[in-house]
Amino acid sequence: MADKLKITLVKSPIGAIPKHRRTVEALGLTKMHKTVELPNNAATKGMIAQVGYLLKVEEA
């Protein structure tokens, strides 16, 4: 299991509910197609589970 995840914003959060927009921003994703590397832990997985329909996730 990888210790990092590559997370890319592939769908705009404009139409999403406000809580999901804040979650995307908290992940560090501010623009479309921006990619960030975050640790593979429970907190990150929970955020991904909430807004997974906006993201593409890969193991780094």
C-alpha atoms as a PDB file:
ATOM      1  CA  MET A   1       0.000   0.000   0.000  1.00  0.00           C
ATOM      2  CA  ALA A   2       1.346   3.411  -0.959  1.00  0.00           C
ATOM      3  CA  ASP A   3       1.994   5.950   1.753  1.00  0.00           C
ATOM      4  CA  LYS A   4       0.901   8.838  -0.519  1.00  0.00           C
ATOM      5  CA  LEU A   5      -2.113   9.477  -2.748  1.00  0.00           C
ATOM      6  CA  LYS A   6      -2.207  11.633  -5.872  1.00  0.00           C
ATOM      7  CA  ILE A   7      -5.536  13.458  -5.927  1.00  0.00           C
ATOM      8  CA  THR A   8      -6.714  15.431  -8.965  1.00  0.00           C
ATOM      9  CA  LEU A   9      -9.790  17.658  -9.223  1.00  0.00           C
ATOM     10  CA  VAL A  10     -11.598  16.561 -12.409  1.00  0.00           C
ATOM     11  CA  LYS A  11     -15.079  18.048 -11.906  1.00  0.00           C
ATOM     12  CA  SER A  12     -15.948  21.579 -10.868  1.00  0.00           C
ATOM     13  CA  PRO A  13     -17.294  21.974  -7.324  1.00  0.00           C
ATOM     14  CA  ILE A  14     -19.390  25.008  -8.332  1.00  0.00           C
ATOM     15  CA  GLY A  15     -22.676  23.069  -8.265  1.00  0.00           C
ATOM     16  CA  ALA A  16     -21.753  20.998  -5.201  1.00  0.00           C
ATOM     17  CA  ILE A  17     -23.171  21.638  -1.762  1.00  0.00           C
ATOM     18  CA  PRO A  18     -21.164  24.163   0.315  1.00  0.00           C
ATOM     19  CA  LYS A  19     -19.739  21.523   2.685  1.00  0.00           C
ATOM     20  CA  HIS A  20     -18.280  19.626  -0.269  1.00  0.00           C
ATOM     21  CA  ARG A  21     -16.797  22.820  -1.722  1.00  0.00           C
ATOM     22  CA  ARG A  22     -15.021  23.467   1.593  1.00  0.00           C
ATOM     23  CA  THR A  23     -13.764  19.871   1.694  1.00  0.00           C
ATOM     24  CA  VAL A  24     -12.242  20.213  -1.787  1.00  0.00           C
ATOM     25  CA  GLU A  25     -10.541  23.434  -0.707  1.00  0.00           C
ATOM     26  CA  ALA A  26      -9.268  21.765   2.480  1.00  0.00           C
ATOM     27  CA  LEU A  27      -7.654  19.066   0.335  1.00  0.00           C
ATOM     28  CA  GLY A  28      -5.648  21.859  -1.317  1.00  0.00           C
ATOM     29  CA  LEU A  29      -7.479  21.706  -4.649  1.00  0.00           C
ATOM     30  CA  THR A  30      -8.252  25.217  -5.858  1.00  0.00           C
ATOM     31  CA  LYS A  31      -8.386  24.823  -9.647  1.00  0.00           C
ATOM     32  CA  MET A  32      -9.542  22.221 -12.133  1.00  0.00           C
ATOM     33  CA  HIS A  33      -6.978  19.521 -12.989  1.00  0.00           C
ATOM     34  CA  LYS A  34      -4.729  20.521 -10.100  1.00  0.00           C
ATOM     35  CA  THR A  35      -3.004  17.539  -8.456  1.00  0.00           C
ATOM     36  CA  VAL A  36      -1.821  17.265  -4.868  1.00  0.00           C
ATOM     37  CA  GLU A  37      -0.022  14.491  -3.001  1.00  0.00           C
ATOM     38  CA  LEU A  38      -1.436  13.761   0.439  1.00  0.00           C
ATOM     39  CA  PRO A  39      -0.687  11.043   3.007  1.00  0.00           C
ATOM     40  CA  ASN A  40      -2.732   7.861   2.814  1.00  0.00           C
ATOM     41  CA  ASN A  41      -4.435   8.021   6.216  1.00  0.00           C
ATOM     42  CA  ALA A  42      -7.947   7.820   7.645  1.00  0.00           C
ATOM     43  CA  ALA A  43      -8.555  11.586   7.557  1.00  0.00           C
ATOM     44  CA  THR A  44      -7.646  11.881   3.886  1.00  0.00           C
ATOM     45  CA  LYS A  45      -9.675   8.792   2.958  1.00  0.00           C
ATOM     46  CA  GLY A  46     -12.726  10.222   4.726  1.00  0.00           C
ATOM     47  CA  MET A  47     -12.466  13.469   2.774  1.00  0.00           C
ATOM     48  CA  ILE A  48     -12.066  11.534  -0.478  1.00  0.00           C
ATOM     49  CA  ALA A  49     -15.117   9.414   0.347  1.00  0.00           C
ATOM     50  CA  GLN A  50     -17.193  12.563   0.821  1.00  0.00           C
ATOM     51  CA  VAL A  51     -16.243  14.277  -2.465  1.00  0.00           C
ATOM     52  CA  GLY A  52     -15.029  11.319  -4.527  1.00  0.00           C
ATOM     53  CA  TYR A  53     -17.409  12.185  -7.368  1.00  0.00           C
ATOM     54  CA  LEU A  54     -15.281  15.299  -8.048  1.00  0.00           C
ATOM     55  CA  LEU A  55     -11.870  13.616  -7.837  1.00  0.00           C
ATOM     56  CA  LYS A  56      -9.514  11.150  -9.480  1.00  0.00           C
ATOM     57  CA  VAL A  57      -7.359   9.278  -6.964  1.00  0.00           C
ATOM     58  CA  GLU A  58      -4.173   7.309  -7.682  1.00  0.00           C
ATOM     59  CA  GLU A  59      -1.502   5.753  -5.486  1.00  0.00           C
ATOM     60  CA  ALA A  60       1.765   7.688  -5.657  1.00  0.00           C
END
